Amino acid sequence: MNHLKITVIALSSLLMFSCLDTIELDVKSYEPIVVVDGEINNVDEFQAIRLSISQPYFQNQSATLIEGAEIHLMEKDMRVGTYSYTQGGEYLLQYTGKVDHSYWIEVILPNLKDFDQLSQRRISSKPEVLSAVSEITATRYEFKPESLIFEEGYYLMIDTYDPVGKGNNYRWKVQVNGEFSHDPRHIMVLEDDRIDGNLIEGLDLSYEPFEKGDELVVYQQSISNPFYAYLYDIYIQALTQDSIFDSPAYNPTSNLISDIPVVGFFNASAYHRAEIVIGE
């Protein structure tokens, strides 16, 4: 029966073909954009940056990776290291960030075949202070049965605190059985405008319910005001791009500076981590 339906549809398409007009879409010329994604933190032995070039919307290829760039890490007006290319557009530098120090990067692009307008151009980032982060004081989970509000499963909660003084911003990432979610709808950030100097108890970090036996690692980050705004912008756009009536997508405000089109962010962050196994 399924075969019959497919055949009928195919024949109908042939009959309609001669009646169709050719429609040419007036698509604006594509302007390649360099994408920079990097961070320095106080826990990793190696710091990473990824460089690529965006692709046109209707092009079904992966982004062009940038190899051979020269990338320097700057700390307190001094160059403290040069990144080395590895693979997949990723560059690594053996260095660990220091709390209360300011960092930025300087990038010199290589000669790029098919992108002459980007070759040998310079990109820098605005300085980011690697601010201290408060500790996660407790982790726990709670089983919730299915209801109008919750799906059945285990939910992760943490306790932490916010130091006195406004301007602290937080990001949480949850590693589940060794994997992070890359869904922008799962971005979890918070500013301290309404919680300044208070305990934060029972903060739910479950973007979906967990299962018994799941191994969870929670990372609590300190982030700057500009990076908070950048992540929050991405999160809101991810939630509001499901309808043709939604506002057009746009690039969130970057901290990168160049005379060529560039998007992304280079941020500095301190980390505190906590682990828990669901059901134990």
C-alpha atoms as a PDB file:
ATOM      1  CA  MET A   1       0.000   0.000   0.000  1.00  0.00           C
ATOM      2  CA  ASN A   2       2.858   2.365   0.833  1.00  0.00           C
ATOM      3  CA  HIS A   3       4.458   1.544  -2.508  1.00  0.00           C
ATOM      4  CA  LEU A   4       1.245   2.460  -4.315  1.00  0.00           C
ATOM      5  CA  LYS A   5       1.032   5.834  -2.590  1.00  0.00           C
ATOM      6  CA  ILE A   6       4.620   6.678  -3.492  1.00  0.00           C
ATOM      7  CA  THR A   7       4.016   5.738  -7.136  1.00  0.00           C
ATOM      8  CA  VAL A   8       0.872   7.862  -7.399  1.00  0.00           C
ATOM      9  CA  ILE A   9       2.639  10.867  -5.888  1.00  0.00           C
ATOM     10  CA  ALA A  10       5.549  10.462  -8.266  1.00  0.00           C
ATOM     11  CA  LEU A  11       3.260  10.312 -11.314  1.00  0.00           C
ATOM     12  CA  SER A  12       1.355  13.374 -10.129  1.00  0.00           C
ATOM     13  CA  SER A  13       4.612  15.262  -9.818  1.00  0.00           C
ATOM     14  CA  LEU A  14       5.499  14.452 -13.440  1.00  0.00           C
ATOM     15  CA  LEU A  15       2.130  15.743 -14.643  1.00  0.00           C
ATOM     16  CA  MET A  16       2.526  18.979 -12.703  1.00  0.00           C
ATOM     17  CA  PHE A  17       6.108  19.610 -13.743  1.00  0.00           C
ATOM     18  CA  SER A  18       5.286  21.270 -17.075  1.00  0.00           C
ATOM     19  CA  CYS A  19       2.910  23.680 -15.351  1.00  0.00           C
ATOM     20  CA  LEU A  20       5.482  25.004 -12.883  1.00  0.00           C
ATOM     21  CA  ASP A  21       7.256  28.307 -13.371  1.00  0.00           C
ATOM     22  CA  THR A  22      10.938  28.656 -12.597  1.00  0.00           C
ATOM     23  CA  ILE A  23      11.377  30.924  -9.589  1.00  0.00           C
ATOM     24  CA  GLU A  24      14.770  32.450  -8.921  1.00  0.00           C
ATOM     25  CA  LEU A  25      15.396  33.579  -5.367  1.00  0.00           C
ATOM     26  CA  ASP A  26      17.054  36.952  -5.045  1.00  0.00           C
ATOM     27  CA  VAL A  27      19.562  35.985  -2.371  1.00  0.00           C
ATOM     28  CA  LYS A  28      21.961  38.676  -1.220  1.00  0.00           C
ATOM     29  CA  SER A  29      25.631  38.039  -1.888  1.00  0.00           C
ATOM     30  CA  TYR A  30      27.329  36.092   0.881  1.00  0.00           C
ATOM     31  CA  GLU A  31      29.891  37.806   3.057  1.00  0.00           C
ATOM     32  CA  PRO A  32      32.169  35.314   4.851  1.00  0.00           C
ATOM     33  CA  ILE A  33      32.516  35.853   8.576  1.00  0.00           C
ATOM     34  CA  VAL A  34      35.346  34.678  10.806  1.00  0.00           C
ATOM     35  CA  VAL A  35      34.121  32.816  13.885  1.00  0.00           C
ATOM     36  CA  VAL A  36      36.261  32.847  17.049  1.00  0.00           C
ATOM     37  CA  ASP A  37      35.363  30.650  20.014  1.00  0.00           C
ATOM     38  CA  GLY A  38      37.756  30.594  22.958  1.00  0.00           C
ATOM     39  CA  GLU A  39      38.167  30.694  26.706  1.00  0.00           C
ATOM     40  CA  ILE A  40      40.831  30.910  29.372  1.00  0.00           C
ATOM     41  CA  ASN A  41      40.129  29.432  32.798  1.00  0.00           C
ATOM     42  CA  ASN A  42      41.856  28.616  36.059  1.00  0.00           C
ATOM     43  CA  VAL A  43      41.531  24.810  35.967  1.00  0.00           C
ATOM     44  CA  ASP A  44      42.622  23.446  32.579  1.00  0.00           C
ATOM     45  CA  GLU A  45      46.268  22.775  31.794  1.00  0.00           C
ATOM     46  CA  PHE A  46      45.645  23.586  28.113  1.00  0.00           C
ATOM     47  CA  GLN A  47      43.546  26.514  26.901  1.00  0.00           C
ATOM     48  CA  ALA A  48      41.697  26.187  23.578  1.00  0.00           C
ATOM     49  CA  ILE A  49      40.559  28.472  20.759  1.00  0.00           C
ATOM     50  CA  ARG A  50      38.701  27.462  17.596  1.00  0.00           C
ATOM     51  CA  LEU A  51      38.739  29.443  14.343  1.00  0.00           C
ATOM     52  CA  SER A  52      36.465  28.938  11.352  1.00  0.00           C
ATOM     53  CA  ILE A  53      34.677  30.772   8.538  1.00  0.00           C
ATOM     54  CA  SER A  54      30.902  30.775   8.357  1.00  0.00           C
ATOM     55  CA  GLN A  55      29.049  29.294   5.384  1.00  0.00           C
ATOM     56  CA  PRO A  56      26.073  30.636   3.398  1.00  0.00           C
ATOM     57  CA  TYR A  57      22.663  29.565   4.678  1.00  0.00           C
ATOM     58  CA  PHE A  58      21.857  27.443   1.608  1.00  0.00           C
ATOM     59  CA  GLN A  59      25.261  25.745   1.452  1.00  0.00           C
ATOM     60  CA  ASN A  60      25.171  22.220   2.823  1.00  0.00           C
ATOM     61  CA  GLN A  61      28.827  22.081   3.789  1.00  0.00           C
ATOM     62  CA  SER A  62      30.482  22.335   7.163  1.00  0.00           C
ATOM     63  CA  ALA A  63      32.225  25.543   8.158  1.00  0.00           C
ATOM     64  CA  THR A  64      35.676  26.198   6.686  1.00  0.00           C
ATOM     65  CA  LEU A  65      38.324  25.606   9.347  1.00  0.00           C
ATOM     66  CA  ILE A  66      41.211  28.037   9.671  1.00  0.00           C
ATOM     67  CA  GLU A  67      44.660  26.484   9.958  1.00  0.00           C
ATOM     68  CA  GLY A  68      47.975  28.274  10.353  1.00  0.00           C
ATOM     69  CA  ALA A  69      46.785  31.362  12.215  1.00  0.00           C
ATOM     70  CA  GLU A  70      49.054  33.121  14.699  1.00  0.00           C
ATOM     71  CA  ILE A  71      47.340  33.511  18.066  1.00  0.00           C
ATOM     72  CA  HIS A  72      48.866  35.168  21.114  1.00  0.00           C
ATOM     73  CA  LEU A  73      47.507  35.241  24.666  1.00  0.00           C
ATOM     74  CA  MET A  74      47.980  38.562  26.445  1.00  0.00           C
ATOM     75  CA  GLU A  75      47.983  38.997  30.244  1.00  0.00           C
ATOM     76  CA  LYS A  76      48.449  42.364  31.953  1.00  0.00           C
ATOM     77  CA  ASP A  77      49.840  43.936  28.726  1.00  0.00           C
ATOM     78  CA  MET A  78      52.336  41.098  28.271  1.00  0.00           C
ATOM     79  CA  ARG A  79      52.372  38.210  25.812  1.00  0.00           C
ATOM     80  CA  VAL A  80      52.368  35.019  27.877  1.00  0.00           C
ATOM     81  CA  GLY A  81      52.077  32.404  25.160  1.00  0.00           C
ATOM     82  CA  THR A  82      51.391  31.490  21.546  1.00  0.00           C
ATOM     83  CA  TYR A  83      48.794  28.873  20.632  1.00  0.00           C
ATOM     84  CA  SER A  84      49.701  25.843  18.501  1.00  0.00           C
ATOM     85  CA  TYR A  85      47.393  24.371  15.884  1.00  0.00           C
ATOM     86  CA  THR A  86      46.160  20.817  16.495  1.00  0.00           C
ATOM     87  CA  GLN A  87      43.230  19.792  14.275  1.00  0.00           C
ATOM     88  CA  GLY A  88      39.629  20.668  13.487  1.00  0.00           C
ATOM     89  CA  GLY A  89      40.335  24.400  13.589  1.00  0.00           C
ATOM     90  CA  GLU A  90      41.481  24.115  17.228  1.00  0.00           C
ATOM     91  CA  TYR A  91      44.541  25.781  18.740  1.00  0.00           C
ATOM     92  CA  LEU A  92      45.964  24.910  22.177  1.00  0.00           C
ATOM     93  CA  LEU A  93      48.201  26.698  24.657  1.00  0.00           C
ATOM     94  CA  GLN A  94      49.657  25.144  27.805  1.00  0.00           C
ATOM     95  CA  TYR A  95      48.761  27.752  30.366  1.00  0.00           C
ATOM     96  CA  THR A  96      46.462  28.136  33.372  1.00  0.00           C
ATOM     97  CA  GLY A  97      44.694  31.416  34.023  1.00  0.00           C
ATOM     98  CA  LYS A  98      45.023  33.328  37.274  1.00  0.00           C
ATOM     99  CA  VAL A  99      42.154  34.817  39.267  1.00  0.00           C
ATOM    100  CA  ASP A 100      41.856  38.628  39.069  1.00  0.00           C
ATOM    101  CA  HIS A 101      44.150  38.801  36.031  1.00  0.00           C
ATOM    102  CA  SER A 102      43.006  40.354  32.754  1.00  0.00           C
ATOM    103  CA  TYR A 103      43.315  38.438  29.452  1.00  0.00           C
ATOM    104  CA  TRP A 104      42.782  39.004  25.757  1.00  0.00           C
ATOM    105  CA  ILE A 105      43.958  37.515  22.479  1.00  0.00           C
ATOM    106  CA  GLU A 106      45.605  38.814  19.317  1.00  0.00           C
ATOM    107  CA  VAL A 107      45.034  36.840  16.120  1.00  0.00           C
ATOM    108  CA  ILE A 108      46.764  37.159  12.745  1.00  0.00           C
ATOM    109  CA  LEU A 109      44.972  35.157  10.076  1.00  0.00           C
ATOM    110  CA  PRO A 110      47.006  33.148   7.529  1.00  0.00           C
ATOM    111  CA  ASN A 111      46.734  33.405   3.747  1.00  0.00           C
ATOM    112  CA  LEU A 112      43.317  31.926   3.078  1.00  0.00           C
ATOM    113  CA  LYS A 113      42.618  30.393  -0.305  1.00  0.00           C
ATOM    114  CA  ASP A 114      39.256  31.574  -1.666  1.00  0.00           C
ATOM    115  CA  PHE A 115      39.085  34.268   1.051  1.00  0.00           C
ATOM    116  CA  ASP A 116      41.642  36.864  -0.005  1.00  0.00           C
ATOM    117  CA  GLN A 117      39.731  39.612   1.782  1.00  0.00           C
ATOM    118  CA  LEU A 118      40.408  37.848   5.092  1.00  0.00           C
ATOM    119  CA  SER A 119      44.041  36.911   4.541  1.00  0.00           C
ATOM    120  CA  GLN A 120      46.596  38.329   6.984  1.00  0.00           C
ATOM    121  CA  ARG A 121      43.925  40.339   8.800  1.00  0.00           C
ATOM    122  CA  ARG A 122      44.114  40.963  12.548  1.00  0.00           C
ATOM    123  CA  ILE A 123      41.561  40.222  15.236  1.00  0.00           C
ATOM    124  CA  SER A 124      41.807  41.102  18.915  1.00  0.00           C
ATOM    125  CA  SER A 125      39.461  40.745  21.876  1.00  0.00           C
ATOM    126  CA  LYS A 126      38.508  43.196  24.584  1.00  0.00           C
ATOM    127  CA  PRO A 127      40.136  42.369  27.957  1.00  0.00           C
ATOM    128  CA  GLU A 128      38.272  39.951  30.225  1.00  0.00           C
ATOM    129  CA  VAL A 129      38.981  39.702  33.946  1.00  0.00           C
ATOM    130  CA  LEU A 130      39.147  36.145  35.267  1.00  0.00           C
ATOM    131  CA  SER A 131      36.990  36.684  38.349  1.00  0.00           C
ATOM    132  CA  ALA A 132      36.773  34.308  41.313  1.00  0.00           C
ATOM    133  CA  VAL A 133      33.737  32.049  41.568  1.00  0.00           C
ATOM    134  CA  SER A 134      31.898  30.904  44.695  1.00  0.00           C
ATOM    135  CA  GLU A 135      31.784  27.221  45.597  1.00  0.00           C
ATOM    136  CA  ILE A 136      29.011  24.720  45.115  1.00  0.00           C
ATOM    137  CA  THR A 137      28.264  23.855  48.751  1.00  0.00           C
ATOM    138  CA  ALA A 138      25.890  20.923  48.142  1.00  0.00           C
ATOM    139  CA  THR A 139      24.508  18.765  45.316  1.00  0.00           C
ATOM    140  CA  ARG A 140      21.444  16.559  45.524  1.00  0.00           C
ATOM    141  CA  TYR A 141      18.699  15.088  43.394  1.00  0.00           C
ATOM    142  CA  GLU A 142      14.974  14.623  43.759  1.00  0.00           C
ATOM    143  CA  PHE A 143      12.647  12.157  42.049  1.00  0.00           C
ATOM    144  CA  LYS A 144       9.483  13.722  40.673  1.00  0.00           C
ATOM    145  CA  PRO A 145       6.534  11.727  39.287  1.00  0.00           C
ATOM    146  CA  GLU A 146       4.928  12.762  36.032  1.00  0.00           C
ATOM    147  CA  SER A 147       2.640  15.764  36.337  1.00  0.00           C
ATOM    148  CA  LEU A 148       1.363  18.719  34.328  1.00  0.00           C
ATOM    149  CA  ILE A 149       4.633  20.510  35.111  1.00  0.00           C
ATOM    150  CA  PHE A 150       7.285  17.788  35.308  1.00  0.00           C
ATOM    151  CA  GLU A 151       8.307  14.761  33.323  1.00  0.00           C
ATOM    152  CA  GLU A 152       8.964  11.724  35.463  1.00  0.00           C
ATOM    153  CA  GLY A 153      12.568  11.363  36.506  1.00  0.00           C
ATOM    154  CA  TYR A 154      15.365  12.633  38.715  1.00  0.00           C
ATOM    155  CA  TYR A 155      16.135  16.344  38.982  1.00  0.00           C
ATOM    156  CA  LEU A 156      19.487  17.859  39.944  1.00  0.00           C
ATOM    157  CA  MET A 157      19.720  20.684  42.462  1.00  0.00           C
ATOM    158  CA  ILE A 158      22.649  22.544  43.993  1.00  0.00           C
ATOM    159  CA  ASP A 159      23.301  24.999  46.812  1.00  0.00           C
ATOM    160  CA  THR A 160      25.754  27.864  46.418  1.00  0.00           C
ATOM    161  CA  TYR A 161      26.057  31.516  47.449  1.00  0.00           C
ATOM    162  CA  ASP A 162      26.621  34.938  45.958  1.00  0.00           C
ATOM    163  CA  PRO A 163      29.278  37.240  47.487  1.00  0.00           C
ATOM    164  CA  VAL A 164      28.221  40.709  48.637  1.00  0.00           C
ATOM    165  CA  GLY A 165      28.537  43.247  45.832  1.00  0.00           C
ATOM    166  CA  LYS A 166      26.605  43.338  42.588  1.00  0.00           C
ATOM    167  CA  GLY A 167      28.115  42.457  39.252  1.00  0.00           C
ATOM    168  CA  ASN A 168      28.646  38.714  39.705  1.00  0.00           C
ATOM    169  CA  ASN A 169      27.360  36.519  36.891  1.00  0.00           C
ATOM    170  CA  TYR A 170      27.220  32.748  36.730  1.00  0.00           C
ATOM    171  CA  ARG A 171      27.048  29.990  34.172  1.00  0.00           C
ATOM    172  CA  TRP A 172      26.398  26.303  34.874  1.00  0.00           C
ATOM    173  CA  LYS A 173      27.313  23.400  32.622  1.00  0.00           C
ATOM    174  CA  VAL A 174      26.269  19.841  33.450  1.00  0.00           C
ATOM    175  CA  GLN A 175      28.265  16.932  32.075  1.00  0.00           C
ATOM    176  CA  VAL A 176      26.119  13.798  31.836  1.00  0.00           C
ATOM    177  CA  ASN A 177      28.010  10.514  31.560  1.00  0.00           C
ATOM    178  CA  GLY A 178      30.966  12.366  30.085  1.00  0.00           C
ATOM    179  CA  GLU A 179      28.962  14.430  27.578  1.00  0.00           C
ATOM    180  CA  PHE A 180      27.929  18.097  27.486  1.00  0.00           C
ATOM    181  CA  SER A 181      24.782  19.320  25.779  1.00  0.00           C
ATOM    182  CA  HIS A 182      25.467  21.721  22.894  1.00  0.00           C
ATOM    183  CA  ASP A 183      21.818  22.727  22.561  1.00  0.00           C
ATOM    184  CA  PRO A 184      21.636  26.535  23.040  1.00  0.00           C
ATOM    185  CA  ARG A 185      18.259  26.055  24.734  1.00  0.00           C
ATOM    186  CA  HIS A 186      20.162  24.383  27.577  1.00  0.00           C
ATOM    187  CA  ILE A 187      22.298  27.435  28.369  1.00  0.00           C
ATOM    188  CA  MET A 188      22.018  28.206  32.105  1.00  0.00           C
ATOM    189  CA  VAL A 189      23.146  31.665  33.262  1.00  0.00           C
ATOM    190  CA  LEU A 190      22.250  33.991  36.128  1.00  0.00           C
ATOM    191  CA  GLU A 191      23.052  37.554  37.156  1.00  0.00           C
ATOM    192  CA  ASP A 192      23.015  38.629  40.803  1.00  0.00           C
ATOM    193  CA  ASP A 193      20.801  41.729  40.607  1.00  0.00           C
ATOM    194  CA  ARG A 194      18.138  40.145  42.844  1.00  0.00           C
ATOM    195  CA  ILE A 195      20.242  37.701  44.844  1.00  0.00           C
ATOM    196  CA  ASP A 196      23.218  39.865  45.817  1.00  0.00           C
ATOM    197  CA  GLY A 197      24.943  38.556  48.939  1.00  0.00           C
ATOM    198  CA  ASN A 198      22.467  35.738  49.510  1.00  0.00           C
ATOM    199  CA  LEU A 199      22.485  31.962  49.686  1.00  0.00           C
ATOM    200  CA  ILE A 200      21.192  30.179  46.598  1.00  0.00           C
ATOM    201  CA  GLU A 201      19.480  26.984  47.718  1.00  0.00           C
ATOM    202  CA  GLY A 202      17.788  24.299  45.646  1.00  0.00           C
ATOM    203  CA  LEU A 203      18.793  25.728  42.267  1.00  0.00           C
ATOM    204  CA  ASP A 204      17.419  23.301  39.658  1.00  0.00           C
ATOM    205  CA  LEU A 205      19.962  22.599  36.900  1.00  0.00           C
ATOM    206  CA  SER A 206      17.888  19.994  35.051  1.00  0.00           C
ATOM    207  CA  TYR A 207      17.150  20.904  31.453  1.00  0.00           C
ATOM    208  CA  GLU A 208      15.633  17.412  31.241  1.00  0.00           C
ATOM    209  CA  PRO A 209      15.079  14.655  33.859  1.00  0.00           C
ATOM    210  CA  PHE A 210      17.976  12.309  34.604  1.00  0.00           C
ATOM    211  CA  GLU A 211      17.944   8.540  35.038  1.00  0.00           C
ATOM    212  CA  LYS A 212      19.163   6.347  37.850  1.00  0.00           C
ATOM    213  CA  GLY A 213      22.865   5.657  37.421  1.00  0.00           C
ATOM    214  CA  ASP A 214      23.649   8.858  35.507  1.00  0.00           C
ATOM    215  CA  GLU A 215      27.017  10.309  36.475  1.00  0.00           C
ATOM    216  CA  LEU A 216      26.814  14.102  36.656  1.00  0.00           C
ATOM    217  CA  VAL A 217      29.577  16.683  36.917  1.00  0.00           C
ATOM    218  CA  VAL A 218      28.427  20.255  37.582  1.00  0.00           C
ATOM    219  CA  TYR A 219      30.640  23.177  36.591  1.00  0.00           C
ATOM    220  CA  GLN A 220      29.930  26.580  38.117  1.00  0.00           C
ATOM    221  CA  GLN A 221      31.575  29.483  36.264  1.00  0.00           C
ATOM    222  CA  SER A 222      32.148  33.148  36.934  1.00  0.00           C
ATOM    223  CA  ILE A 223      31.468  35.165  33.785  1.00  0.00           C
ATOM    224  CA  SER A 224      31.674  38.840  32.864  1.00  0.00           C
ATOM    225  CA  ASN A 225      28.696  41.097  32.149  1.00  0.00           C
ATOM    226  CA  PRO A 226      29.406  41.119  28.372  1.00  0.00           C
ATOM    227  CA  PHE A 227      29.684  37.311  28.225  1.00  0.00           C
ATOM    228  CA  TYR A 228      26.498  36.916  30.270  1.00  0.00           C
ATOM    229  CA  ALA A 229      24.666  39.162  27.788  1.00  0.00           C
ATOM    230  CA  TYR A 230      26.162  37.216  24.866  1.00  0.00           C
ATOM    231  CA  LEU A 231      25.037  33.826  26.200  1.00  0.00           C
ATOM    232  CA  TYR A 232      21.618  35.083  27.279  1.00  0.00           C
ATOM    233  CA  ASP A 233      21.063  36.532  23.807  1.00  0.00           C
ATOM    234  CA  ILE A 234      21.867  33.164  22.218  1.00  0.00           C
ATOM    235  CA  TYR A 235      19.528  31.395  24.641  1.00  0.00           C
ATOM    236  CA  ILE A 236      16.594  33.737  23.963  1.00  0.00           C
ATOM    237  CA  GLN A 237      17.045  33.468  20.204  1.00  0.00           C
ATOM    238  CA  ALA A 238      17.147  29.672  20.439  1.00  0.00           C
ATOM    239  CA  LEU A 239      13.776  29.740  22.210  1.00  0.00           C
ATOM    240  CA  THR A 240      12.136  32.137  19.758  1.00  0.00           C
ATOM    241  CA  GLN A 241      13.125  30.931  16.298  1.00  0.00           C
ATOM    242  CA  ASP A 242      10.505  28.215  15.847  1.00  0.00           C
ATOM    243  CA  SER A 243       7.893  30.345  14.072  1.00  0.00           C
ATOM    244  CA  ILE A 244       7.860  32.422  10.890  1.00  0.00           C
ATOM    245  CA  PHE A 245       6.408  35.220  13.024  1.00  0.00           C
ATOM    246  CA  ASP A 246       9.470  35.416  15.268  1.00  0.00           C
ATOM    247  CA  SER A 247      12.023  38.184  14.840  1.00  0.00           C
ATOM    248  CA  PRO A 248      14.900  37.426  12.455  1.00  0.00           C
ATOM    249  CA  ALA A 249      17.991  35.905  14.030  1.00  0.00           C
ATOM    250  CA  TYR A 250      21.001  38.160  14.531  1.00  0.00           C
ATOM    251  CA  ASN A 251      24.540  37.860  15.838  1.00  0.00           C
ATOM    252  CA  PRO A 252      24.858  38.639  19.561  1.00  0.00           C
ATOM    253  CA  THR A 253      27.302  41.343  20.614  1.00  0.00           C
ATOM    254  CA  SER A 254      30.865  40.046  20.494  1.00  0.00           C
ATOM    255  CA  ASN A 255      33.962  41.253  22.351  1.00  0.00           C
ATOM    256  CA  LEU A 256      36.098  40.802  19.223  1.00  0.00           C
ATOM    257  CA  ILE A 257      37.605  43.752  17.339  1.00  0.00           C
ATOM    258  CA  SER A 258      38.642  43.753  13.672  1.00  0.00           C
ATOM    259  CA  ASP A 259      38.198  45.545  10.362  1.00  0.00           C
ATOM    260  CA  ILE A 260      36.661  42.375   8.884  1.00  0.00           C
ATOM    261  CA  PRO A 261      33.369  40.663   9.794  1.00  0.00           C
ATOM    262  CA  VAL A 262      33.925  38.554  12.920  1.00  0.00           C
ATOM    263  CA  VAL A 263      31.639  36.889  15.466  1.00  0.00           C
ATOM    264  CA  GLY A 264      32.140  34.862  18.629  1.00  0.00           C
ATOM    265  CA  PHE A 265      33.643  35.545  22.012  1.00  0.00           C
ATOM    266  CA  PHE A 266      36.847  35.079  23.973  1.00  0.00           C
ATOM    267  CA  ASN A 267      35.982  34.836  27.668  1.00  0.00           C
ATOM    268  CA  ALA A 268      37.808  34.359  30.951  1.00  0.00           C
ATOM    269  CA  SER A 269      36.260  32.243  33.698  1.00  0.00           C
ATOM    270  CA  ALA A 270      36.996  30.606  37.028  1.00  0.00           C
ATOM    271  CA  TYR A 271      35.454  27.183  37.691  1.00  0.00           C
ATOM    272  CA  HIS A 272      34.223  25.188  40.643  1.00  0.00           C
ATOM    273  CA  ARG A 273      33.004  21.631  40.112  1.00  0.00           C
ATOM    274  CA  ALA A 274      30.947  19.063  41.990  1.00  0.00           C
ATOM    275  CA  GLU A 275      30.024  15.471  41.184  1.00  0.00           C
ATOM    276  CA  ILE A 276      27.045  13.256  41.947  1.00  0.00           C
ATOM    277  CA  VAL A 277      25.677   9.890  40.770  1.00  0.00           C
ATOM    278  CA  ILE A 278      21.901   9.627  40.514  1.00  0.00           C
ATOM    279  CA  GLY A 279      20.607   6.894  42.829  1.00  0.00           C
ATOM    280  CA  GLU A 280      23.624   6.743  45.122  1.00  0.00           C
END
